[in-house]
């Protein structure tokens, strides 16, 4: 009887050791606007937070797709692209957006900044409408993906700190409601030189804000 118990314990220990040493492969999808693309204050891409996260998972990275735009890409654009199941080419491979959402086990999203930048006379009503669109987008993404999703909040590109704080507080609640991790980048402005695009240090700051949540495997 003792031998049987000992044998079971040995197998249990081996199983636990094996389990703890298995590293899950990461399928990373980065969605969004110019922040996701990585345009800096010199109009270059030298230190994208998406690329930094990719490097963080390099040893176990199964796939990485950066679905972003340097143009006037807004929340409704992403919603429409998902609903249309847009076909994209990344690193010479064809993908369908809905399929990317289903397969990814890590998603980061930064979008909504262009909705602020290109709108004049922003008030609380407009912010509420934008937040409603953001929630629709996150609910839609959650329809296809039940894994880890991070959504970046706003920094102040409209010179109205009160409205940005209001928006970020609401975004954090929306993220919590939909089991999405909210990433606070409200201090990014100290790394912005041209009122819009961050410096390379700004992208390092965004990367740190994500990694410092300490919920990456």
Protein backbone atom coordinates (compact mmCIF):
# COMPACT_ATOMS: atom_id res chain seq x y z
CA UNK A 1 0.00 0.00 0.00
CA UNK A 2 2.85 2.36 0.87
CA UNK A 3 4.49 1.62 -2.49
CA UNK A 4 1.27 2.45 -4.32
CA UNK A 5 0.91 5.74 -2.44
CA UNK A 6 4.56 6.57 -3.07
CA UNK A 7 4.19 5.79 -6.77
CA UNK A 8 1.12 8.00 -7.00
CA UNK A 9 2.94 10.85 -5.24
CA UNK A 10 5.92 10.54 -7.60
CA UNK A 11 3.66 10.70 -10.66
CA UNK A 12 1.78 13.63 -9.14
CA UNK A 13 5.00 15.56 -8.50
CA UNK A 14 6.22 14.86 -12.05
CA UNK A 15 2.88 16.00 -13.47
CA UNK A 16 2.95 19.23 -11.45
CA UNK A 17 6.52 19.99 -12.46
CA UNK A 18 5.62 19.35 -16.10
CA UNK A 19 2.52 21.51 -15.87
CA UNK A 20 4.36 24.47 -14.34
CA UNK A 21 7.02 24.32 -17.02
CA UNK A 22 4.66 24.30 -19.96
CA UNK A 23 4.66 27.71 -21.61
CA UNK A 24 1.46 28.51 -23.46
CA UNK A 25 2.01 29.68 -27.00
CA UNK A 26 0.98 33.28 -27.53
CA UNK A 27 -1.15 34.39 -30.46
CA UNK A 28 -0.99 38.18 -30.25
CA UNK A 29 -3.33 40.52 -32.11
CA UNK A 30 -2.81 44.28 -31.79
CA UNK A 31 -5.75 46.44 -32.93
CA UNK A 32 -6.11 50.17 -33.32
CA UNK A 33 -4.98 53.52 -34.57
CA UNK A 34 -1.68 55.42 -34.76
CA UNK A 35 -0.69 54.33 -31.25
CA UNK A 36 -1.01 50.68 -32.24
CA UNK A 37 0.91 51.41 -35.44
CA UNK A 38 3.61 53.16 -33.43
CA UNK A 39 4.02 56.56 -35.10
CA UNK A 40 6.22 58.77 -32.92
CA UNK A 41 6.78 62.52 -32.67
CA UNK A 42 9.30 62.31 -35.55
CA UNK A 43 6.73 60.57 -37.81
CA UNK A 44 8.73 57.35 -37.58
CA UNK A 45 8.10 53.90 -36.12
CA UNK A 46 11.06 53.15 -33.86
CA UNK A 47 9.55 51.90 -30.62
CA UNK A 48 6.00 50.59 -31.06
CA UNK A 49 4.43 49.25 -27.87
CA UNK A 50 2.95 46.43 -29.98
CA UNK A 51 6.42 45.39 -31.12
CA UNK A 52 7.65 45.62 -27.53
CA UNK A 53 4.89 43.29 -26.33
CA UNK A 54 5.68 40.96 -29.22
CA UNK A 55 9.33 40.84 -28.13
CA UNK A 56 8.25 40.16 -24.54
CA UNK A 57 6.61 36.93 -25.78
CA UNK A 58 9.19 36.13 -28.42
CA UNK A 59 10.18 32.73 -27.01
CA UNK A 60 6.63 31.40 -27.07
CA UNK A 61 5.13 33.53 -29.83
CA UNK A 62 2.97 31.50 -32.20
CA UNK A 63 1.75 34.41 -34.28
CA UNK A 64 1.60 38.21 -34.25
CA UNK A 65 -0.58 40.51 -36.35
CA UNK A 66 -0.64 44.29 -36.05
CA UNK A 67 -3.96 45.48 -37.46
CA UNK A 68 -3.68 49.25 -37.34
CA UNK A 69 -3.75 52.42 -39.39
CA UNK A 70 -1.80 55.68 -39.42
CA UNK A 71 -4.77 57.39 -41.07
CA UNK A 72 -7.99 58.73 -39.59
CA UNK A 73 -9.01 55.34 -38.14
CA UNK A 74 -11.91 55.55 -35.69
CA UNK A 75 -14.01 53.33 -33.45
CA UNK A 76 -16.78 52.83 -36.01
CA UNK A 77 -14.18 51.92 -38.64
CA UNK A 78 -13.02 48.99 -36.52
CA UNK A 79 -16.61 47.95 -35.79
CA UNK A 80 -17.38 47.95 -39.52
CA UNK A 81 -14.21 46.05 -40.37
CA UNK A 82 -15.10 43.32 -37.85
CA UNK A 83 -18.70 43.05 -39.06
CA UNK A 84 -17.50 42.93 -42.68
CA UNK A 85 -14.90 40.31 -41.71
CA UNK A 86 -12.30 42.35 -43.55
CA UNK A 87 -9.52 40.47 -45.28
CA UNK A 88 -6.04 41.76 -44.56
CA UNK A 89 -2.49 40.92 -45.57
CA UNK A 90 0.21 41.02 -42.89
CA UNK A 91 3.76 39.83 -43.49
CA UNK A 92 2.64 38.34 -46.81
CA UNK A 93 -0.08 36.22 -45.20
CA UNK A 94 -3.83 36.54 -45.73
CA UNK A 95 -6.12 36.78 -42.72
CA UNK A 96 -9.80 37.32 -42.01
CA UNK A 97 -10.34 39.70 -39.11
CA UNK A 98 -12.98 37.59 -37.35
CA UNK A 99 -10.68 34.57 -37.55
CA UNK A 100 -7.86 36.59 -36.02
CA UNK A 101 -10.13 37.58 -33.13
CA UNK A 102 -11.13 33.97 -32.53
CA UNK A 103 -7.59 32.59 -32.56
CA UNK A 104 -5.83 35.27 -30.49
CA UNK A 105 -5.18 34.61 -26.80
CA UNK A 106 -3.80 38.10 -26.29
CA UNK A 107 -5.31 41.29 -27.74
CA UNK A 108 -4.35 44.90 -27.16
CA UNK A 109 -6.55 47.74 -28.41
CA UNK A 110 -5.96 51.47 -28.67
CA UNK A 111 -8.61 53.37 -30.54
CA UNK A 112 -10.76 56.46 -30.08
CA UNK A 113 -8.03 59.08 -30.15
CA UNK A 114 -8.88 60.08 -33.74
CA UNK A 115 -12.52 60.42 -32.72
CA UNK A 116 -11.29 63.15 -30.35
CA UNK A 117 -8.65 64.76 -32.56
CA UNK A 118 -10.88 65.32 -35.59
CA UNK A 119 -13.94 66.55 -33.72
CA UNK A 120 -14.45 70.24 -32.99
CA UNK A 121 -16.26 71.56 -29.92
CA UNK A 122 -16.17 68.35 -27.91
CA UNK A 123 -18.57 68.25 -24.98
CA UNK A 124 -19.82 65.63 -22.52
CA UNK A 125 -22.61 64.55 -24.88
CA UNK A 126 -20.08 63.75 -27.59
CA UNK A 127 -17.90 61.87 -25.11
CA UNK A 128 -20.90 59.80 -24.02
CA UNK A 129 -21.70 58.95 -27.64
CA UNK A 130 -18.08 57.92 -28.23
CA UNK A 131 -18.07 55.77 -25.09
CA UNK A 132 -21.25 54.10 -26.27
CA UNK A 133 -19.51 53.20 -29.54
CA UNK A 134 -16.47 51.93 -27.63
CA UNK A 135 -18.66 49.65 -25.53
CA UNK A 136 -20.40 48.33 -28.68
CA UNK A 137 -16.97 47.60 -30.13
CA UNK A 138 -15.73 45.80 -27.02
CA UNK A 139 -18.93 43.74 -26.76
CA UNK A 140 -18.49 42.79 -30.43
CA UNK A 141 -14.86 41.76 -29.89
CA UNK A 142 -15.86 39.76 -26.82
CA UNK A 143 -18.33 37.90 -29.05
CA UNK A 144 -15.37 36.41 -30.90
CA UNK A 145 -12.77 36.25 -28.14
CA UNK A 146 -13.04 35.11 -24.51
CA UNK A 147 -9.34 35.41 -23.67
CA UNK A 148 -7.08 38.24 -22.47
CA UNK A 149 -7.89 41.69 -23.85
CA UNK A 150 -6.30 45.03 -22.91
CA UNK A 151 -7.84 48.37 -23.83
CA UNK A 152 -5.82 51.59 -23.63
CA UNK A 153 -7.55 54.64 -22.20
CA UNK A 154 -7.08 58.19 -23.43
CA UNK A 155 -4.44 60.85 -22.98
CA UNK A 156 -5.23 64.54 -23.44
CA UNK A 157 -5.13 65.53 -27.11
CA UNK A 158 -7.96 68.07 -26.77
CA UNK A 159 -6.52 70.29 -24.01
CA UNK A 160 -9.38 69.43 -21.69
CA UNK A 161 -8.16 67.37 -18.77
CA UNK A 162 -11.60 67.23 -17.13
CA UNK A 163 -13.22 65.62 -20.19
CA UNK A 164 -10.36 63.12 -20.51
CA UNK A 165 -10.65 62.14 -16.84
CA UNK A 166 -14.41 61.76 -17.28
CA UNK A 167 -13.90 59.57 -20.36
CA UNK A 168 -11.24 57.41 -18.71
CA UNK A 169 -13.36 56.82 -15.62
CA UNK A 170 -16.21 55.65 -17.85
CA UNK A 171 -13.88 53.52 -19.99
CA UNK A 172 -12.53 51.79 -16.90
CA UNK A 173 -16.09 50.88 -15.86
CA UNK A 174 -16.92 49.64 -19.36
CA UNK A 175 -13.79 47.48 -19.37
CA UNK A 176 -14.60 46.03 -15.97
CA UNK A 177 -18.14 45.23 -17.07
CA UNK A 178 -16.84 43.33 -20.11
CA UNK A 179 -13.92 41.65 -18.30
CA UNK A 180 -11.34 43.62 -20.22
CA UNK A 181 -8.15 44.99 -18.64
CA UNK A 182 -8.06 48.78 -18.66
CA UNK A 183 -4.63 50.35 -19.30
CA UNK A 184 -4.19 53.85 -17.90
CA UNK A 185 -2.01 55.98 -20.22
CA UNK A 186 -3.26 59.35 -18.95
CA UNK A 187 0.29 60.50 -18.13
CA UNK A 188 1.45 59.97 -21.71
CA UNK A 189 1.27 63.73 -22.33
CA UNK A 190 4.62 64.28 -20.67
CA UNK A 191 6.07 62.29 -23.60
CA UNK A 192 4.22 64.19 -26.35
CA UNK A 193 6.07 66.92 -28.28
CA UNK A 194 3.62 67.83 -31.06
CA UNK A 195 0.31 67.61 -29.19
CA UNK A 196 -0.48 64.20 -30.71
CA UNK A 197 2.25 61.62 -31.28
CA UNK A 198 4.35 60.32 -28.36
CA UNK A 199 8.13 60.13 -28.32
CA UNK A 200 9.90 56.78 -28.22
CA UNK A 201 9.98 57.16 -24.44
CA UNK A 202 6.20 57.51 -24.62
CA UNK A 203 5.91 54.12 -26.28
CA UNK A 204 8.14 52.63 -23.62
CA UNK A 205 5.80 54.15 -21.04
CA UNK A 206 2.78 52.51 -22.72
CA UNK A 207 4.60 49.17 -22.80
CA UNK A 208 5.43 49.46 -19.11
CA UNK A 209 1.83 50.36 -18.24
CA UNK A 210 0.70 47.12 -19.87
CA UNK A 211 3.43 44.88 -18.50
CA UNK A 212 3.24 46.39 -15.00
CA UNK A 213 -0.30 45.06 -14.65
CA UNK A 214 1.55 41.80 -13.92
CA UNK A 215 -1.04 39.57 -15.48
CA UNK A 216 0.97 38.43 -18.45
CA UNK A 217 1.99 34.80 -18.26
